[in-house]
Amino acid sequence: MPKYGAQFFQYAVLDHPYFSRHPGYLSVFLNISVLIGVNNLIEKKSILSKMFYGIGALLSAILIFLFSIKIAIVALIFSFFALVIIMKIKRTYLLSLFSLLLLAVTILFIKVPDRFNRFAVFLNPDIVSANQEHNSVFLHKQTIVCAMDIFNKNLIKGVGIENSKSLVNDCVRETYLYSPNVVYNSHNQYLGYALNSGIIGLLILFFVLFVAFKKSYRKQKLLFSILVIYSITFLTENIIERQSGVILFSFLINMITVLTIKDVKALKDKTKLFEDK
């Protein structure tokens, strides 16, 4: 497949020694930068500051769309609205943002040629079952089907970190014979934990996410929306099985914990001060 069209920027990043990171992982960082920009755009009072953060968020969003990572774009949309909704933006602003997004998606589907539009594949009803080279939809389906089958046979203990990737790849290779040098994993972080550690590992991951969502919802709205990015990206990427993914995710979880402890301590200090008076 020529390295042009919708995947041109993906190949450009993959082939460049400076980046040497999969665009899916770079898209997570770009998504986070968009949310930081939007958060500051809403909270800052200065017009100059609003312009600075707004332009930064726009540039990062453009890069995300150029990479054309489907799950990254979906994660950006959901996390963006999660942020603006929990920040209690005025309804008129919210409707305006939704209208702009709807317009952008409409243009993406209608005006952008199929060659440059990776979402156009979903208009093909046979795309899920089409076993052909560079069909990422079929490939992702096969990895998830294989991972589910292996997990069902090893529900309690899983198969271990050293075996999960090879077993999934062997299963996928029974049907998908293209790109023989590539080794495929489960392409789903939830299933990745399930294969590595069984149902216990999967429940621990769900528990960590649940606690983090609960603790960040009220006072750490930006961190809450970043968690939305990770939770959605986990559906198609084993993002915290690589160093570039797990470091930021671990930092995020620990930051939420530390900020929660500080909030609780500050509340106790205020309560004690009130009681002393």
Protein backbone atom coordinates (compact mmCIF):
# COMPACT_ATOMS: atom_id res chain seq x y z
CA MET A 1 0.00 0.00 0.00
CA PRO A 2 1.52 3.37 -0.94
CA LYS A 3 2.38 5.58 1.99
CA TYR A 4 -0.02 8.29 0.93
CA GLY A 5 -3.64 9.12 1.55
CA ALA A 6 -5.24 8.99 4.99
CA GLN A 7 -2.26 7.23 6.58
CA PHE A 8 0.44 9.50 5.19
CA PHE A 9 1.12 11.25 8.52
CA GLN A 10 1.05 7.94 10.40
CA TYR A 11 3.80 6.55 8.19
CA ALA A 12 5.71 9.82 8.41
CA VAL A 13 5.86 9.52 12.20
CA LEU A 14 6.60 5.79 12.19
CA ASP A 15 9.44 6.19 9.69
CA HIS A 16 11.06 9.18 11.40
CA PRO A 17 13.80 8.26 13.93
CA TYR A 18 13.06 11.34 16.06
CA PHE A 19 9.58 10.10 17.01
CA SER A 20 9.80 6.28 16.75
CA ARG A 21 6.40 6.07 18.45
CA HIS A 22 3.17 4.65 17.16
CA PRO A 23 0.80 7.51 16.19
CA GLY A 24 -1.82 5.98 18.49
CA TYR A 25 0.34 6.76 21.51
CA LEU A 26 1.23 10.23 20.24
CA SER A 27 -2.48 10.86 19.74
CA VAL A 28 -3.09 10.23 23.46
CA PHE A 29 -0.59 12.96 24.33
CA LEU A 30 -2.14 15.29 21.76
CA ASN A 31 -5.62 14.59 23.12
CA ILE A 32 -4.44 15.51 26.60
CA SER A 33 -2.90 18.74 25.28
CA VAL A 34 -6.24 19.62 23.63
CA LEU A 35 -8.07 19.15 26.93
CA ILE A 36 -5.50 21.22 28.82
CA GLY A 37 -5.92 23.97 26.23
CA VAL A 38 -9.73 23.86 26.40
CA ASN A 39 -9.66 23.79 30.21
CA ASN A 40 -7.48 26.92 30.35
CA LEU A 41 -9.47 28.55 27.57
CA ILE A 42 -12.57 28.27 29.76
CA GLU A 43 -10.96 29.20 33.07
CA LYS A 44 -8.59 32.03 32.10
CA LYS A 45 -9.90 35.58 32.25
CA SER A 46 -7.34 37.27 30.03
CA ILE A 47 -8.24 37.46 26.33
CA LEU A 48 -4.57 36.94 25.43
CA SER A 49 -4.39 33.79 27.54
CA LYS A 50 -7.61 32.48 26.01
CA MET A 51 -6.21 33.02 22.52
CA PHE A 52 -2.93 31.32 23.40
CA TYR A 53 -4.55 28.19 24.82
CA GLY A 54 -7.26 28.14 22.17
CA ILE A 55 -4.74 28.20 19.31
CA GLY A 56 -2.65 25.52 21.04
CA ALA A 57 -5.69 23.26 21.45
CA LEU A 58 -6.70 23.82 17.81
CA LEU A 59 -3.22 22.93 16.50
CA SER A 60 -3.15 19.73 18.58
CA ALA A 61 -6.63 18.79 17.34
CA ILE A 62 -5.54 19.31 13.73
CA LEU A 63 -2.59 16.96 14.26
CA ILE A 64 -4.94 14.33 15.71
CA PHE A 65 -7.14 14.48 12.62
CA LEU A 66 -4.07 14.34 10.36
CA PHE A 67 -2.92 11.15 12.08
CA SER A 68 -6.39 9.73 11.36
CA ILE A 69 -6.35 7.35 14.34
CA LYS A 70 -10.03 6.51 14.59
CA ILE A 71 -10.15 5.65 18.31
CA ALA A 72 -8.16 8.81 19.13
CA ILE A 73 -10.72 11.00 17.37
CA VAL A 74 -13.59 9.21 19.13
CA ALA A 75 -11.81 9.56 22.50
CA LEU A 76 -11.23 13.27 21.85
CA ILE A 77 -14.90 13.89 21.11
CA PHE A 78 -16.17 12.07 24.21
CA SER A 79 -13.52 13.49 26.56
CA PHE A 80 -14.08 17.01 25.23
CA PHE A 81 -17.79 16.88 25.97
CA ALA A 82 -17.14 15.20 29.32
CA LEU A 83 -14.95 18.17 30.24
CA VAL A 84 -17.28 20.94 29.10
CA ILE A 85 -20.35 19.24 30.63
CA ILE A 86 -18.89 18.67 34.11
CA MET A 87 -17.45 22.20 34.05
CA LYS A 88 -21.08 23.33 33.71
CA ILE A 89 -20.60 25.45 30.62
CA LYS A 90 -23.58 27.59 29.68
CA ARG A 91 -26.13 25.71 27.60
CA THR A 92 -25.83 28.14 24.68
CA TYR A 93 -22.07 27.58 24.49
CA LEU A 94 -22.56 23.82 24.76
CA LEU A 95 -25.07 23.81 21.92
CA SER A 96 -22.71 25.92 19.82
CA LEU A 97 -19.85 23.49 20.43
CA PHE A 98 -22.06 20.52 19.59
CA SER A 99 -23.21 22.20 16.37
CA LEU A 100 -19.62 22.89 15.32
CA LEU A 101 -18.66 19.29 16.04
CA LEU A 102 -21.64 17.96 14.09
CA LEU A 103 -20.69 20.20 11.16
CA ALA A 104 -17.08 18.98 11.27
CA VAL A 105 -18.15 15.31 11.34
CA THR A 106 -20.58 15.88 8.46
CA ILE A 107 -17.84 17.47 6.37
CA LEU A 108 -15.52 14.60 7.26
CA PHE A 109 -17.96 12.00 5.97
CA ILE A 110 -19.33 13.84 2.96
CA LYS A 111 -16.67 16.16 1.60
CA VAL A 112 -13.36 14.42 2.34
CA PRO A 113 -12.47 11.86 -0.38
CA ASP A 114 -12.47 8.21 0.73
CA ARG A 115 -8.74 8.01 0.08
CA PHE A 116 -8.13 10.55 2.85
CA ASN A 117 -10.99 9.51 5.13
CA ARG A 118 -10.42 6.46 7.36
CA PHE A 119 -13.96 6.71 8.75
CA ALA A 120 -15.40 6.08 5.28
CA VAL A 121 -14.70 2.35 5.69
CA PHE A 122 -17.63 2.12 8.12
CA LEU A 123 -19.98 2.89 5.25
CA ASN A 124 -18.98 -0.47 3.76
CA PRO A 125 -21.20 -3.18 5.36
CA ASP A 126 -18.65 -5.91 4.49
CA ILE A 127 -15.63 -4.21 6.03
CA VAL A 128 -15.75 -6.24 9.26
CA SER A 129 -15.54 -9.56 7.42
CA ALA A 130 -13.23 -8.50 4.57
CA ASN A 131 -9.96 -10.37 5.15
CA GLN A 132 -7.62 -8.17 3.14
CA GLU A 133 -4.34 -6.38 3.67
CA HIS A 134 -4.44 -3.05 5.56
CA ASN A 135 -8.02 -3.64 6.73
CA SER A 136 -7.55 -2.54 10.33
CA VAL A 137 -11.23 -3.10 11.17
CA PHE A 138 -11.05 -6.81 10.31
CA LEU A 139 -7.68 -7.14 12.03
CA HIS A 140 -8.90 -5.54 15.25
CA LYS A 141 -11.97 -7.76 15.18
CA GLN A 142 -9.78 -10.88 14.83
CA THR A 143 -7.45 -9.89 17.66
CA ILE A 144 -10.39 -9.27 20.00
CA VAL A 145 -12.15 -12.51 18.98
CA CYS A 146 -8.94 -14.48 19.55
CA ALA A 147 -8.26 -12.76 22.88
CA MET A 148 -11.82 -13.44 24.06
CA ASP A 149 -11.54 -17.11 23.10
CA ILE A 150 -8.23 -17.50 24.96
CA PHE A 151 -9.61 -15.66 28.00
CA ASN A 152 -12.72 -17.86 28.15
CA LYS A 153 -10.46 -20.92 28.29
CA ASN A 154 -8.24 -19.38 31.01
CA LEU A 155 -10.77 -17.37 32.98
CA ILE A 156 -9.27 -17.52 36.48
CA LYS A 157 -5.51 -17.29 36.07
CA GLY A 158 -5.09 -16.04 32.53
CA VAL A 159 -2.09 -17.21 30.51
CA GLY A 160 0.61 -14.91 31.89
CA ILE A 161 2.40 -11.91 30.42
CA GLU A 162 4.97 -14.03 28.60
CA ASN A 163 2.32 -16.07 26.73
CA SER A 164 -0.58 -13.72 26.03
CA LYS A 165 0.91 -11.94 23.00
CA SER A 166 2.22 -15.09 21.30
CA LEU A 167 -1.07 -16.96 21.79
CA VAL A 168 -3.11 -14.09 20.36
CA ASN A 169 -0.74 -13.72 17.42
CA ASP A 170 -0.82 -17.46 16.65
CA CYS A 171 -4.62 -17.37 16.66
CA VAL A 172 -4.79 -14.27 14.44
CA ARG A 173 -2.31 -15.82 11.99
CA GLU A 174 -4.72 -18.65 11.32
CA THR A 175 -6.84 -16.23 9.31
CA TYR A 176 -4.82 -13.03 8.73
CA LEU A 177 -1.67 -13.88 6.73
CA TYR A 178 -0.53 -10.39 5.71
CA SER A 179 2.49 -8.54 7.22
CA PRO A 180 4.10 -11.76 8.53
CA ASN A 181 6.80 -9.91 10.50
CA VAL A 182 4.27 -8.11 12.69
CA VAL A 183 3.32 -9.71 16.03
CA TYR A 184 -0.21 -8.79 17.13
CA ASN A 185 -1.47 -8.45 20.69
CA SER A 186 -5.07 -8.32 21.94
CA HIS A 187 -5.56 -4.69 20.77
CA ASN A 188 -7.68 -4.14 23.86
CA GLN A 189 -6.17 -3.18 27.22
CA TYR A 190 -9.02 -4.72 29.19
CA LEU A 191 -8.55 -8.05 27.44
CA GLY A 192 -4.80 -7.63 27.80
CA TYR A 193 -5.13 -7.55 31.60
CA ALA A 194 -7.60 -10.44 31.45
CA LEU A 195 -5.12 -12.57 29.49
CA ASN A 196 -2.17 -11.60 31.64
CA SER A 197 -3.77 -12.08 35.06
CA GLY A 198 -7.20 -13.61 34.56
CA ILE A 199 -10.46 -12.23 35.89
CA ILE A 200 -8.70 -10.91 39.03
CA GLY A 201 -6.38 -8.68 36.99
CA LEU A 202 -9.31 -7.39 34.96
CA LEU A 203 -11.32 -6.58 38.10
CA ILE A 204 -8.34 -4.75 39.60
CA LEU A 205 -8.07 -2.58 36.49
CA PHE A 206 -11.80 -1.80 36.62
CA PHE A 207 -11.49 -0.98 40.33
CA VAL A 208 -8.56 1.40 39.75
CA LEU A 209 -10.47 3.21 37.00
CA PHE A 210 -13.68 3.36 39.05
CA VAL A 211 -11.92 4.86 42.08
CA ALA A 212 -10.01 7.34 39.89
CA PHE A 213 -13.19 8.45 38.13
CA LYS A 214 -15.03 8.81 41.42
CA LYS A 215 -12.25 10.81 43.11
CA SER A 216 -11.64 13.14 40.16
CA TYR A 217 -15.25 13.87 39.20
CA ARG A 218 -15.96 16.72 41.61
CA LYS A 219 -12.72 18.68 41.91
CA GLN A 220 -10.27 17.42 39.26
CA LYS A 221 -12.43 17.80 36.17
CA LEU A 222 -9.49 17.96 33.77
CA LEU A 223 -8.05 14.72 35.15
CA PHE A 224 -11.51 13.14 34.90
CA SER A 225 -11.70 13.96 31.19
CA ILE A 226 -8.16 12.61 30.65
CA LEU A 227 -9.31 9.34 32.23
CA VAL A 228 -12.08 9.26 29.63
CA ILE A 229 -9.39 9.37 26.92
CA TYR A 230 -7.57 6.40 28.43
CA SER A 231 -10.73 4.38 29.06
CA ILE A 232 -11.85 4.72 25.44
CA THR A 233 -8.39 4.19 23.95
CA PHE A 234 -8.13 0.97 25.98
CA LEU A 235 -10.83 -0.47 23.71
CA THR A 236 -8.43 -0.79 20.76
CA GLU A 237 -4.92 -0.30 22.15
CA ASN A 238 -2.81 -1.99 24.84
CA ILE A 239 -1.57 1.41 25.75
CA ILE A 240 -0.25 0.77 29.27
CA GLU A 241 1.81 -2.23 28.20
CA ARG A 242 4.41 0.13 26.75
CA GLN A 243 6.67 2.48 28.65
CA SER A 244 5.39 5.58 26.84
CA GLY A 245 1.84 4.70 27.86
CA VAL A 246 2.19 3.37 31.40
CA ILE A 247 4.36 6.23 32.72
CA LEU A 248 1.78 8.94 32.02
CA PHE A 249 -1.14 6.75 33.13
CA SER A 250 0.59 5.88 36.45
CA PHE A 251 1.40 9.56 36.99
CA LEU A 252 -2.24 10.46 36.36
CA ILE A 253 -3.59 7.88 38.83
CA ASN A 254 -1.10 8.94 41.53
CA MET A 255 -1.81 12.63 40.94
CA ILE A 256 -5.53 12.05 41.49
CA THR A 257 -4.74 10.20 44.73
CA VAL A 258 -2.37 12.90 46.01
CA LEU A 259 -4.79 15.74 45.18
CA THR A 260 -7.63 13.85 46.86
CA ILE A 261 -5.56 13.39 50.03
CA LYS A 262 -4.71 17.11 50.00
CA ASP A 263 -8.39 18.04 49.59
CA VAL A 264 -9.40 15.77 52.47
CA LYS A 265 -6.64 17.19 54.68
CA ALA A 266 -7.63 20.78 53.82
CA LEU A 267 -11.26 19.98 54.64
CA LYS A 268 -10.29 18.49 58.00
CA ASP A 269 -8.16 21.55 58.81
CA LYS A 270 -11.08 23.87 58.00
CA THR A 271 -13.46 21.76 60.11
CA LYS A 272 -11.02 21.76 63.03
CA LEU A 273 -10.57 25.53 62.76
CA PHE A 274 -14.35 26.01 62.77
CA GLU A 275 -14.76 23.77 65.83
CA ASP A 276 -12.04 25.65 67.73
CA LYS A 277 -13.88 28.90 67.17
